Every structure is written in C-alpha cells, then in structure tokens.
N, C-alpha and C. Protein backbone atom coordinates (compact mmCIF):
# COMPACT_ATOMS: atom_id res chain seq x y z
N MET A 1 5.79 144.63 143.39
CA MET A 1 4.35 144.58 143.19
C MET A 1 3.89 143.12 143.19
N PRO A 2 2.72 142.83 143.80
CA PRO A 2 2.26 141.44 143.81
C PRO A 2 1.88 140.96 142.43
N TRP A 3 1.73 139.67 142.33
CA TRP A 3 1.39 139.06 141.05
C TRP A 3 0.01 139.45 140.59
N ILE A 4 -0.11 139.96 139.36
CA ILE A 4 -1.41 140.08 138.71
C ILE A 4 -1.31 139.53 137.28
N GLY A 5 -0.22 138.80 137.04
CA GLY A 5 -0.08 138.09 135.78
C GLY A 5 -0.14 139.01 134.57
N PRO A 6 -0.88 138.59 133.53
CA PRO A 6 -0.95 139.39 132.30
C PRO A 6 -1.99 140.50 132.36
N PHE A 7 -2.55 140.76 133.54
CA PHE A 7 -3.67 141.68 133.66
C PHE A 7 -3.21 143.10 133.97
N ALA A 8 -4.01 144.06 133.53
CA ALA A 8 -3.68 145.47 133.75
C ALA A 8 -4.32 146.01 135.02
N ALA A 9 -5.38 145.34 135.49
CA ALA A 9 -6.11 145.87 136.63
C ALA A 9 -6.76 144.74 137.43
N VAL A 10 -7.04 145.04 138.69
CA VAL A 10 -7.65 144.08 139.61
C VAL A 10 -8.98 144.65 140.10
N LEU A 11 -10.03 143.83 140.02
CA LEU A 11 -11.33 144.18 140.56
C LEU A 11 -11.67 143.17 141.65
N CYS A 12 -12.05 143.66 142.81
CA CYS A 12 -12.33 142.78 143.95
C CYS A 12 -13.71 143.02 144.51
N ASP A 13 -14.40 141.93 144.76
CA ASP A 13 -15.60 142.01 145.56
C ASP A 13 -15.18 142.44 146.97
N LEU A 14 -16.14 142.88 147.77
CA LEU A 14 -15.80 143.35 149.11
C LEU A 14 -16.11 142.30 150.18
N ASP A 15 -17.38 142.10 150.46
CA ASP A 15 -17.80 141.22 151.56
C ASP A 15 -17.47 139.76 151.23
N GLY A 16 -16.69 139.15 152.12
CA GLY A 16 -16.30 137.75 151.92
C GLY A 16 -15.05 137.57 151.08
N THR A 17 -14.63 138.65 150.41
CA THR A 17 -13.45 138.57 149.56
C THR A 17 -12.32 139.38 150.19
N LEU A 18 -12.50 140.69 150.28
CA LEU A 18 -11.47 141.53 150.91
C LEU A 18 -11.68 141.61 152.42
N ILE A 19 -12.93 141.53 152.84
CA ILE A 19 -13.22 141.64 154.27
C ILE A 19 -14.09 140.48 154.72
N ASP A 20 -14.00 140.20 156.02
CA ASP A 20 -14.92 139.27 156.64
C ASP A 20 -15.97 140.11 157.36
N SER A 21 -17.16 140.14 156.79
CA SER A 21 -18.28 140.87 157.38
C SER A 21 -19.46 139.94 157.64
N LEU A 22 -19.21 138.64 157.50
CA LEU A 22 -20.30 137.67 157.57
C LEU A 22 -21.13 137.78 158.85
N PRO A 23 -20.51 137.88 160.03
CA PRO A 23 -21.35 137.98 161.23
C PRO A 23 -22.28 139.19 161.20
N ALA A 24 -21.76 140.35 160.75
CA ALA A 24 -22.60 141.56 160.67
C ALA A 24 -23.71 141.41 159.65
N VAL A 25 -23.37 140.88 158.49
CA VAL A 25 -24.36 140.68 157.42
C VAL A 25 -25.47 139.76 157.91
N GLU A 26 -25.09 138.66 158.50
CA GLU A 26 -26.09 137.69 158.93
C GLU A 26 -26.93 138.20 160.09
N ARG A 27 -26.34 139.01 160.97
CA ARG A 27 -27.12 139.60 162.07
C ARG A 27 -28.23 140.50 161.53
N VAL A 28 -27.86 141.38 160.63
CA VAL A 28 -28.84 142.35 160.12
C VAL A 28 -29.90 141.68 159.26
N TRP A 29 -29.47 140.78 158.36
CA TRP A 29 -30.44 140.13 157.49
C TRP A 29 -31.34 139.16 158.24
N SER A 30 -30.84 138.57 159.30
CA SER A 30 -31.70 137.72 160.15
C SER A 30 -32.76 138.57 160.82
N GLU A 31 -32.34 139.72 161.33
CA GLU A 31 -33.28 140.66 161.94
C GLU A 31 -34.32 141.12 160.92
N PHE A 32 -33.86 141.39 159.71
CA PHE A 32 -34.77 141.83 158.64
C PHE A 32 -35.80 140.74 158.30
N ALA A 33 -35.34 139.52 158.18
CA ALA A 33 -36.25 138.41 157.86
C ALA A 33 -37.30 138.24 158.95
N LEU A 34 -36.86 138.28 160.19
CA LEU A 34 -37.78 138.11 161.32
C LEU A 34 -38.79 139.24 161.39
N ARG A 35 -38.39 140.44 161.02
CA ARG A 35 -39.31 141.58 160.98
C ARG A 35 -40.47 141.32 160.03
N HIS A 36 -40.20 140.50 159.02
CA HIS A 36 -41.21 140.19 158.00
C HIS A 36 -41.85 138.81 158.21
N GLY A 37 -41.59 138.21 159.38
CA GLY A 37 -42.21 136.93 159.68
C GLY A 37 -41.66 135.76 158.90
N THR A 38 -40.41 135.89 158.44
CA THR A 38 -39.77 134.83 157.65
C THR A 38 -38.55 134.30 158.41
N HIS A 39 -38.34 133.00 158.33
CA HIS A 39 -37.17 132.43 159.00
C HIS A 39 -35.90 132.87 158.27
N PRO A 40 -34.88 133.32 159.02
CA PRO A 40 -33.63 133.75 158.38
C PRO A 40 -33.02 132.72 157.44
N ALA A 41 -33.19 131.43 157.73
CA ALA A 41 -32.60 130.38 156.90
C ALA A 41 -33.15 130.39 155.47
N GLU A 42 -34.32 130.99 155.28
CA GLU A 42 -34.89 131.09 153.94
C GLU A 42 -34.29 132.23 153.14
N VAL A 43 -33.79 133.23 153.84
CA VAL A 43 -33.34 134.47 153.19
C VAL A 43 -31.82 134.58 153.13
N VAL A 44 -31.16 134.36 154.25
CA VAL A 44 -29.71 134.64 154.37
C VAL A 44 -28.85 133.92 153.34
N PRO A 45 -29.08 132.65 153.03
CA PRO A 45 -28.21 132.00 152.04
C PRO A 45 -28.26 132.63 150.65
N PHE A 46 -29.36 133.27 150.31
CA PHE A 46 -29.52 133.85 148.97
C PHE A 46 -28.84 135.20 148.82
N ILE A 47 -28.77 135.97 149.87
CA ILE A 47 -28.43 137.39 149.75
C ILE A 47 -26.96 137.67 149.43
N HIS A 48 -26.08 136.71 149.70
CA HIS A 48 -24.65 136.97 149.54
C HIS A 48 -24.28 137.23 148.07
N GLY A 49 -23.58 138.33 147.86
CA GLY A 49 -23.13 138.68 146.52
C GLY A 49 -24.18 139.43 145.70
N ARG A 50 -25.34 139.69 146.29
CA ARG A 50 -26.42 140.35 145.55
C ARG A 50 -26.79 141.68 146.20
N ARG A 51 -27.37 142.57 145.40
CA ARG A 51 -27.83 143.84 145.93
C ARG A 51 -29.01 143.62 146.86
N SER A 52 -29.08 144.42 147.92
CA SER A 52 -30.19 144.29 148.86
C SER A 52 -31.52 144.49 148.17
N VAL A 53 -31.58 145.42 147.22
CA VAL A 53 -32.83 145.69 146.52
C VAL A 53 -33.32 144.44 145.77
N ASP A 54 -32.40 143.67 145.19
CA ASP A 54 -32.78 142.45 144.47
C ASP A 54 -33.27 141.38 145.43
N SER A 55 -32.66 141.28 146.60
CA SER A 55 -33.10 140.31 147.60
C SER A 55 -34.46 140.67 148.17
N ILE A 56 -34.69 141.95 148.41
CA ILE A 56 -35.98 142.40 148.91
C ILE A 56 -37.07 142.05 147.89
N ARG A 57 -36.81 142.35 146.63
CA ARG A 57 -37.79 142.06 145.58
C ARG A 57 -38.12 140.57 145.50
N LYS A 58 -37.11 139.73 145.70
CA LYS A 58 -37.33 138.28 145.59
C LYS A 58 -38.19 137.75 146.74
N PHE A 59 -37.85 138.15 147.97
CA PHE A 59 -38.51 137.57 149.12
C PHE A 59 -39.73 138.33 149.62
N PHE A 60 -39.74 139.63 149.39
CA PHE A 60 -40.83 140.46 149.91
C PHE A 60 -41.35 141.40 148.82
N PRO A 61 -41.92 140.84 147.76
CA PRO A 61 -42.30 141.64 146.58
C PRO A 61 -43.36 142.70 146.84
N THR A 62 -44.13 142.57 147.91
CA THR A 62 -45.16 143.57 148.19
C THR A 62 -44.69 144.63 149.18
N ALA A 63 -43.47 144.49 149.69
CA ALA A 63 -42.95 145.45 150.66
C ALA A 63 -42.65 146.79 150.00
N ASP A 64 -42.63 147.84 150.79
CA ASP A 64 -42.25 149.17 150.31
C ASP A 64 -40.73 149.15 150.10
N LEU A 65 -40.31 149.04 148.86
CA LEU A 65 -38.92 148.83 148.52
C LEU A 65 -38.02 149.95 149.07
N GLU A 66 -38.45 151.17 148.90
CA GLU A 66 -37.63 152.31 149.35
C GLU A 66 -37.48 152.31 150.87
N GLU A 67 -38.57 152.05 151.55
CA GLU A 67 -38.56 152.04 153.03
C GLU A 67 -37.70 150.90 153.56
N GLU A 68 -37.85 149.71 152.98
CA GLU A 68 -37.09 148.54 153.44
C GLU A 68 -35.60 148.67 153.14
N GLU A 69 -35.29 149.20 151.98
CA GLU A 69 -33.88 149.38 151.65
C GLU A 69 -33.23 150.42 152.56
N ALA A 70 -33.99 151.46 152.91
CA ALA A 70 -33.47 152.48 153.82
C ALA A 70 -33.20 151.87 155.21
N TRP A 71 -34.10 150.98 155.65
CA TRP A 71 -33.90 150.32 156.96
C TRP A 71 -32.63 149.47 156.92
N LEU A 72 -32.50 148.66 155.87
CA LEU A 72 -31.31 147.81 155.75
C LEU A 72 -30.03 148.64 155.64
N ASN A 73 -30.09 149.69 154.86
CA ASN A 73 -28.93 150.56 154.66
C ASN A 73 -28.46 151.16 155.99
N ARG A 74 -29.42 151.63 156.78
CA ARG A 74 -29.08 152.22 158.08
C ARG A 74 -28.50 151.17 159.01
N ARG A 75 -29.16 150.01 159.13
CA ARG A 75 -28.71 148.97 160.06
C ARG A 75 -27.34 148.41 159.65
N GLU A 76 -27.15 148.17 158.36
CA GLU A 76 -25.88 147.58 157.92
C GLU A 76 -24.72 148.55 158.04
N SER A 77 -24.99 149.83 157.85
CA SER A 77 -23.89 150.81 157.98
C SER A 77 -23.56 151.07 159.45
N GLU A 78 -24.51 150.83 160.35
CA GLU A 78 -24.27 151.00 161.78
C GLU A 78 -23.54 149.80 162.38
N ASP A 79 -23.83 148.62 161.88
CA ASP A 79 -23.29 147.39 162.47
C ASP A 79 -22.01 146.94 161.74
N THR A 80 -20.88 147.42 162.24
CA THR A 80 -19.60 146.99 161.69
C THR A 80 -18.79 146.19 162.72
N ASP A 81 -19.47 145.75 163.76
CA ASP A 81 -18.80 144.97 164.80
C ASP A 81 -18.27 143.67 164.21
N GLY A 82 -16.98 143.46 164.34
CA GLY A 82 -16.36 142.24 163.83
C GLY A 82 -15.97 142.29 162.38
N VAL A 83 -16.17 143.43 161.71
CA VAL A 83 -15.76 143.57 160.30
C VAL A 83 -14.25 143.76 160.26
N VAL A 84 -13.55 142.82 159.60
CA VAL A 84 -12.08 142.87 159.54
C VAL A 84 -11.60 142.53 158.13
N VAL A 85 -10.41 142.99 157.83
CA VAL A 85 -9.81 142.65 156.55
C VAL A 85 -9.40 141.20 156.55
N ARG A 86 -9.56 140.52 155.42
CA ARG A 86 -9.17 139.11 155.32
C ARG A 86 -7.65 139.00 155.17
N GLY A 87 -7.12 137.89 155.64
CA GLY A 87 -5.69 137.68 155.67
C GLY A 87 -4.99 137.92 154.34
N GLY A 88 -4.04 138.84 154.33
CA GLY A 88 -3.25 139.12 153.13
C GLY A 88 -3.85 140.13 152.19
N ALA A 89 -5.15 140.39 152.28
CA ALA A 89 -5.82 141.29 151.34
C ALA A 89 -5.28 142.71 151.46
N ASP A 90 -5.05 143.16 152.68
CA ASP A 90 -4.55 144.52 152.86
C ASP A 90 -3.14 144.68 152.29
N ARG A 91 -2.27 143.69 152.52
CA ARG A 91 -0.91 143.78 151.97
C ARG A 91 -0.93 143.71 150.45
N PHE A 92 -1.80 142.88 149.90
CA PHE A 92 -1.93 142.76 148.45
C PHE A 92 -2.34 144.09 147.84
N LEU A 93 -3.39 144.70 148.38
CA LEU A 93 -3.88 145.96 147.84
C LEU A 93 -2.89 147.10 148.05
N ASN A 94 -2.27 147.14 149.21
CA ASN A 94 -1.30 148.20 149.50
C ASN A 94 -0.08 148.14 148.58
N ALA A 95 0.20 146.97 148.01
CA ALA A 95 1.33 146.82 147.09
C ALA A 95 0.98 147.24 145.67
N LEU A 96 -0.32 147.41 145.40
CA LEU A 96 -0.77 147.85 144.08
C LEU A 96 -0.93 149.36 144.03
N PRO A 97 -0.53 150.00 142.94
CA PRO A 97 -0.86 151.42 142.79
C PRO A 97 -2.38 151.58 142.82
N ASN A 98 -2.87 152.63 143.46
CA ASN A 98 -4.32 152.82 143.59
C ASN A 98 -5.05 152.84 142.26
N GLU A 99 -4.37 153.29 141.23
CA GLU A 99 -5.05 153.39 139.93
C GLU A 99 -5.21 152.04 139.23
N LEU A 100 -4.67 150.96 139.83
CA LEU A 100 -4.75 149.64 139.20
C LEU A 100 -5.80 148.72 139.81
N TRP A 101 -6.53 149.19 140.82
CA TRP A 101 -7.51 148.30 141.44
C TRP A 101 -8.73 149.06 141.90
N GLY A 102 -9.82 148.28 142.03
CA GLY A 102 -11.06 148.85 142.52
C GLY A 102 -11.93 147.78 143.15
N VAL A 103 -12.81 148.22 144.01
CA VAL A 103 -13.81 147.33 144.62
C VAL A 103 -15.06 147.36 143.78
N VAL A 104 -15.66 146.20 143.56
CA VAL A 104 -16.95 146.10 142.87
C VAL A 104 -17.86 145.30 143.79
N THR A 105 -18.75 146.02 144.46
CA THR A 105 -19.60 145.40 145.48
C THR A 105 -21.08 145.56 145.16
N SER A 106 -21.85 144.62 145.65
CA SER A 106 -23.31 144.73 145.54
C SER A 106 -23.87 145.63 146.62
N GLY A 107 -23.06 145.93 147.62
CA GLY A 107 -23.50 146.77 148.73
C GLY A 107 -23.72 148.21 148.30
N THR A 108 -24.53 148.92 149.06
CA THR A 108 -24.73 150.34 148.79
C THR A 108 -23.48 151.11 149.16
N ARG A 109 -23.37 152.32 148.64
CA ARG A 109 -22.21 153.17 148.95
C ARG A 109 -22.05 153.34 150.46
N THR A 110 -23.15 153.64 151.15
CA THR A 110 -23.09 153.91 152.59
C THR A 110 -22.59 152.70 153.37
N VAL A 111 -23.16 151.54 153.08
CA VAL A 111 -22.79 150.32 153.79
C VAL A 111 -21.35 149.92 153.45
N ALA A 112 -21.03 149.92 152.16
CA ALA A 112 -19.69 149.50 151.73
C ALA A 112 -18.61 150.41 152.32
N GLN A 113 -18.85 151.71 152.31
CA GLN A 113 -17.84 152.63 152.81
C GLN A 113 -17.67 152.51 154.33
N ALA A 114 -18.76 152.19 155.04
CA ALA A 114 -18.65 151.97 156.48
C ALA A 114 -17.78 150.74 156.75
N ARG A 115 -17.94 149.71 155.94
CA ARG A 115 -17.16 148.48 156.12
C ARG A 115 -15.71 148.66 155.67
N LEU A 116 -15.50 149.39 154.56
CA LEU A 116 -14.14 149.69 154.12
C LEU A 116 -13.38 150.43 155.21
N LYS A 117 -14.05 151.41 155.79
CA LYS A 117 -13.42 152.20 156.85
C LYS A 117 -13.11 151.32 158.06
N ALA A 118 -14.06 150.46 158.45
CA ALA A 118 -13.84 149.57 159.60
C ALA A 118 -12.67 148.63 159.37
N ALA A 119 -12.48 148.20 158.12
CA ALA A 119 -11.41 147.25 157.79
C ALA A 119 -10.10 147.94 157.42
N GLY A 120 -10.11 149.26 157.29
CA GLY A 120 -8.89 149.99 156.96
C GLY A 120 -8.48 149.89 155.50
N ILE A 121 -9.46 149.74 154.60
CA ILE A 121 -9.19 149.67 153.17
C ILE A 121 -9.54 151.01 152.53
N ALA A 122 -8.69 151.45 151.60
CA ALA A 122 -8.86 152.75 150.97
C ALA A 122 -10.21 152.90 150.26
N ILE A 123 -10.83 154.05 150.44
CA ILE A 123 -12.05 154.38 149.70
C ILE A 123 -11.61 155.21 148.49
N LEU A 124 -11.76 154.61 147.31
CA LEU A 124 -11.25 155.21 146.08
C LEU A 124 -12.41 155.62 145.15
N PRO A 125 -12.20 156.61 144.31
CA PRO A 125 -13.28 157.07 143.42
C PRO A 125 -13.72 156.04 142.40
N GLN A 126 -12.87 155.06 142.08
CA GLN A 126 -13.23 154.08 141.07
C GLN A 126 -14.05 152.90 141.62
N HIS A 127 -14.26 152.83 142.91
CA HIS A 127 -15.08 151.75 143.47
C HIS A 127 -16.48 151.80 142.87
N VAL A 128 -17.08 150.62 142.71
CA VAL A 128 -18.43 150.50 142.16
C VAL A 128 -19.35 149.95 143.24
N TYR A 129 -20.49 150.63 143.42
CA TYR A 129 -21.46 150.22 144.44
C TYR A 129 -22.75 149.75 143.77
N GLY A 130 -23.48 148.90 144.49
CA GLY A 130 -24.66 148.27 143.91
C GLY A 130 -25.67 149.19 143.29
N GLY A 131 -25.87 150.36 143.88
CA GLY A 131 -26.88 151.29 143.38
C GLY A 131 -26.48 152.04 142.12
N GLU A 132 -25.26 151.82 141.65
CA GLU A 132 -24.78 152.56 140.48
C GLU A 132 -25.04 151.85 139.15
N VAL A 133 -25.61 150.67 139.20
CA VAL A 133 -25.85 149.92 137.97
C VAL A 133 -27.33 149.53 137.87
N ALA A 134 -27.78 149.36 136.63
CA ALA A 134 -29.18 148.98 136.40
C ALA A 134 -29.44 147.55 136.84
N GLN A 135 -28.44 146.68 136.63
CA GLN A 135 -28.56 145.28 137.00
C GLN A 135 -27.33 144.86 137.79
N GLY A 136 -27.56 144.29 138.96
CA GLY A 136 -26.44 143.85 139.79
C GLY A 136 -25.99 142.45 139.44
N LYS A 137 -25.00 141.96 140.16
CA LYS A 137 -24.53 140.60 140.01
C LYS A 137 -25.73 139.65 140.15
N PRO A 138 -25.88 138.65 139.32
CA PRO A 138 -24.91 137.99 138.43
C PRO A 138 -24.80 138.59 137.03
N PHE A 139 -25.40 139.75 136.80
CA PHE A 139 -25.24 140.41 135.50
C PHE A 139 -23.87 141.09 135.44
N PRO A 140 -23.35 141.33 134.25
CA PRO A 140 -21.98 141.86 134.12
C PRO A 140 -21.82 143.34 134.40
N ASP A 141 -22.94 144.07 134.50
CA ASP A 141 -22.89 145.53 134.61
C ASP A 141 -21.90 146.07 135.65
N PRO A 142 -21.86 145.55 136.89
CA PRO A 142 -20.94 146.11 137.88
C PRO A 142 -19.48 146.01 137.47
N PHE A 143 -19.08 144.87 136.92
CA PHE A 143 -17.68 144.70 136.54
C PHE A 143 -17.33 145.49 135.30
N LEU A 144 -18.25 145.63 134.39
CA LEU A 144 -17.99 146.46 133.20
C LEU A 144 -17.80 147.92 133.61
N LEU A 145 -18.58 148.38 134.56
CA LEU A 145 -18.41 149.74 135.06
C LEU A 145 -17.07 149.89 135.77
N GLY A 146 -16.69 148.86 136.51
CA GLY A 146 -15.38 148.89 137.20
C GLY A 146 -14.22 149.00 136.21
N ALA A 147 -14.27 148.23 135.15
CA ALA A 147 -13.22 148.31 134.11
C ALA A 147 -13.19 149.68 133.48
N ASN A 148 -14.37 150.21 133.21
CA ASN A 148 -14.47 151.55 132.62
C ASN A 148 -13.84 152.61 133.50
N ARG A 149 -14.08 152.51 134.79
CA ARG A 149 -13.54 153.49 135.73
C ARG A 149 -12.02 153.38 135.86
N LEU A 150 -11.48 152.20 135.58
CA LEU A 150 -10.03 152.01 135.62
C LEU A 150 -9.40 152.25 134.24
N ASN A 151 -10.23 152.60 133.28
CA ASN A 151 -9.75 152.87 131.91
C ASN A 151 -9.05 151.69 131.27
N VAL A 152 -9.61 150.50 131.50
CA VAL A 152 -9.07 149.30 130.88
C VAL A 152 -10.22 148.51 130.26
N GLY A 153 -9.88 147.60 129.36
CA GLY A 153 -10.90 146.75 128.76
C GLY A 153 -11.20 145.56 129.66
N PRO A 154 -12.36 144.95 129.51
CA PRO A 154 -12.74 143.81 130.34
C PRO A 154 -11.73 142.68 130.31
N LEU A 155 -11.13 142.42 129.15
CA LEU A 155 -10.18 141.31 129.05
C LEU A 155 -8.87 141.58 129.79
N GLU A 156 -8.66 142.83 130.19
CA GLU A 156 -7.43 143.21 130.91
C GLU A 156 -7.60 143.10 132.43
N CYS A 157 -8.79 142.68 132.89
CA CYS A 157 -9.07 142.64 134.32
C CYS A 157 -9.06 141.23 134.87
N VAL A 158 -8.57 141.09 136.09
CA VAL A 158 -8.72 139.86 136.86
C VAL A 158 -9.60 140.21 138.06
N VAL A 159 -10.54 139.31 138.33
CA VAL A 159 -11.53 139.54 139.38
C VAL A 159 -11.34 138.54 140.51
N PHE A 160 -11.46 139.01 141.75
CA PHE A 160 -11.47 138.15 142.93
C PHE A 160 -12.86 138.19 143.52
N GLU A 161 -13.47 137.03 143.69
CA GLU A 161 -14.87 136.92 144.13
C GLU A 161 -15.05 135.72 145.04
N ASP A 162 -16.07 135.79 145.89
CA ASP A 162 -16.33 134.64 146.78
C ASP A 162 -17.71 134.03 146.58
N THR A 163 -18.55 134.60 145.71
CA THR A 163 -19.89 134.04 145.51
C THR A 163 -20.09 133.62 144.06
N GLN A 164 -21.03 132.71 143.87
CA GLN A 164 -21.35 132.28 142.50
C GLN A 164 -21.92 133.41 141.68
N ALA A 165 -22.74 134.27 142.31
CA ALA A 165 -23.31 135.41 141.59
C ALA A 165 -22.20 136.32 141.07
N GLY A 166 -21.17 136.53 141.89
CA GLY A 166 -20.05 137.36 141.48
C GLY A 166 -19.19 136.73 140.39
N ILE A 167 -18.93 135.43 140.53
CA ILE A 167 -18.17 134.71 139.50
C ILE A 167 -18.91 134.77 138.17
N ASP A 168 -20.22 134.53 138.22
CA ASP A 168 -21.04 134.57 137.00
C ASP A 168 -21.00 135.95 136.36
N ALA A 169 -21.05 137.00 137.19
CA ALA A 169 -21.02 138.38 136.69
C ALA A 169 -19.69 138.68 136.01
N ALA A 170 -18.60 138.25 136.63
CA ALA A 170 -17.27 138.49 136.06
C ALA A 170 -17.10 137.77 134.74
N LYS A 171 -17.54 136.52 134.70
CA LYS A 171 -17.43 135.75 133.45
C LYS A 171 -18.30 136.35 132.36
N ALA A 172 -19.50 136.81 132.72
CA ALA A 172 -20.39 137.44 131.75
C ALA A 172 -19.78 138.72 131.19
N ALA A 173 -18.92 139.36 131.98
CA ALA A 173 -18.22 140.57 131.54
C ALA A 173 -17.00 140.25 130.70
N GLY A 174 -16.68 138.94 130.55
CA GLY A 174 -15.51 138.54 129.77
C GLY A 174 -14.22 138.58 130.54
N MET A 175 -14.30 138.58 131.87
CA MET A 175 -13.12 138.70 132.71
C MET A 175 -12.73 137.34 133.29
N VAL A 176 -11.47 137.23 133.68
CA VAL A 176 -11.00 136.05 134.39
C VAL A 176 -11.38 136.22 135.85
N ALA A 177 -12.01 135.21 136.44
CA ALA A 177 -12.44 135.28 137.83
C ALA A 177 -11.69 134.25 138.66
N ILE A 178 -11.20 134.69 139.81
CA ILE A 178 -10.53 133.82 140.76
C ILE A 178 -11.42 133.71 141.98
N SER A 179 -11.79 132.48 142.32
CA SER A 179 -12.66 132.26 143.45
C SER A 179 -11.87 132.30 144.75
N VAL A 180 -12.35 133.13 145.68
CA VAL A 180 -11.76 133.23 147.01
C VAL A 180 -12.59 132.35 147.93
N ILE A 181 -11.95 131.45 148.62
CA ILE A 181 -12.66 130.49 149.44
C ILE A 181 -13.01 131.10 150.79
N PRO A 182 -14.30 131.16 151.12
CA PRO A 182 -14.70 131.71 152.42
C PRO A 182 -14.03 130.94 153.57
N GLY A 183 -13.52 131.70 154.54
CA GLY A 183 -12.92 131.07 155.70
C GLY A 183 -11.44 130.78 155.58
N LEU A 184 -10.89 130.83 154.37
CA LEU A 184 -9.44 130.59 154.20
C LEU A 184 -8.71 131.92 154.37
N GLU A 185 -7.96 132.04 155.43
CA GLU A 185 -7.38 133.33 155.78
C GLU A 185 -6.17 133.73 154.94
N SER A 186 -5.61 132.81 154.17
CA SER A 186 -4.39 133.16 153.45
C SER A 186 -4.57 133.29 151.94
N ASP A 187 -5.80 133.53 151.50
CA ASP A 187 -6.07 133.61 150.07
C ASP A 187 -5.12 134.54 149.33
N PHE A 188 -4.92 135.72 149.85
CA PHE A 188 -4.12 136.72 149.15
C PHE A 188 -2.63 136.59 149.43
N GLU A 189 -2.28 135.85 150.47
CA GLU A 189 -0.87 135.68 150.79
C GLU A 189 -0.11 135.03 149.63
N CYS A 190 -0.77 134.09 148.94
CA CYS A 190 -0.10 133.37 147.87
C CYS A 190 0.15 134.24 146.64
N LEU A 191 -0.47 135.41 146.59
CA LEU A 191 -0.29 136.30 145.45
C LEU A 191 0.78 137.34 145.69
N ASP A 192 1.32 137.35 146.89
CA ASP A 192 2.28 138.39 147.25
C ASP A 192 3.71 137.98 146.93
N PHE A 193 3.94 137.79 145.63
CA PHE A 193 5.29 137.50 145.17
C PHE A 193 5.52 138.17 143.83
N PRO A 194 6.75 138.43 143.47
CA PRO A 194 7.01 139.13 142.21
C PRO A 194 6.56 138.31 141.01
N GLU A 195 6.15 139.01 140.00
CA GLU A 195 5.74 138.32 138.77
C GLU A 195 6.95 137.63 138.14
N VAL A 196 6.73 136.41 137.69
CA VAL A 196 7.81 135.66 137.04
C VAL A 196 8.10 136.30 135.68
N GLN A 197 9.38 136.57 135.42
CA GLN A 197 9.77 137.23 134.16
C GLN A 197 9.93 136.21 133.05
C-alpha cells in the first residue's frame, strides 16, 4: 500500500489534483464569460477549486442562477476532450482499498462523474460533490462530509489539493493538506512506496 503516514483515510480534490481537466474547464468557462460580455481573464482565474454556483453569484449576480448552472453543467459534462489522469494518481489510488479514499470536488455530480469516467478513476459512493454541501470550498463543509462518509474523524484524514480555496477548506476542517503543484506530472509517484516501519 502507498504511503499515507499516520492517516486513516485520503481525500482528494479532482480537477488539477487527480486529473488534468484544465483545457476543458477553461474552454467552457471562457465561453460562459463571453456569453455574458465579460473577458475570460476576469473570470477563469477565480473559478478553480470553487463551485460553479459560487462563481456565477460572484460575477453575474443578476443572472438566472438555475438556468446558468444548468448551461454550465451540460457543457462541462459534454466536454471531456483532453481530460486525463495526472501522473501517478491512478496507481496511488488503485493501491488503496476503496474504503480508505474519496474525492471531494467543487464540481457537480454530473460534471465530476463525466471527468472521472474519462480519466478512468473509480466512481465511489463516498465521493463528495459541490451540490451536496451548503457552503463549498474554502469552507470546511465538503471535507467534513468526506470524512463522515469514510467513517473517520477529520484529524485522521490527509488531503491532496491544488488550489488555495481547497487548502483553506481542508485546514478549516482540521485536516492536514498536501499541495499538489499544477503541471508537475509526478506528484503521486513519490508517495508510491511502503510506509516506513
């Protein structure tokens, strides 16, 4: 089993952490911004690690939230071109018993599951999706729900994240957070060794 140190369970963000979906994310959100007469550069840097509903509220507060979220949900679940697992993440997860890990994503169930499928990562009942919590990242709610679904306490979890919003959420939940560097393909390779006794 790969290294998880003194922890009982692993919680992983999805986009940018387990998978590279950046081209797809930026394509859809750029299209969304342009639909609303806004330059993508104003919107795209903010949206990473956050629920789409929270980003819509921030940038387009007068928009029909339900209609806009439905548009984004449809487009993001359709566009999985170039979505791939990040280096080592698949081997790391495959070495863990399914009951010891879960995905905690800001994405909706539909979008996240389309990307999990495209990347070949297991869709498990303990995964947490953005729409399942009252407050998304950077609030602790998503990670606390993830720990609950794995039947462990927050202090027993180690989190892998690639955004500041996600790191802040994990820390607010009382968990240890490990930052995954975007673009570094071997992040999980270094964890694939037996735990030191």
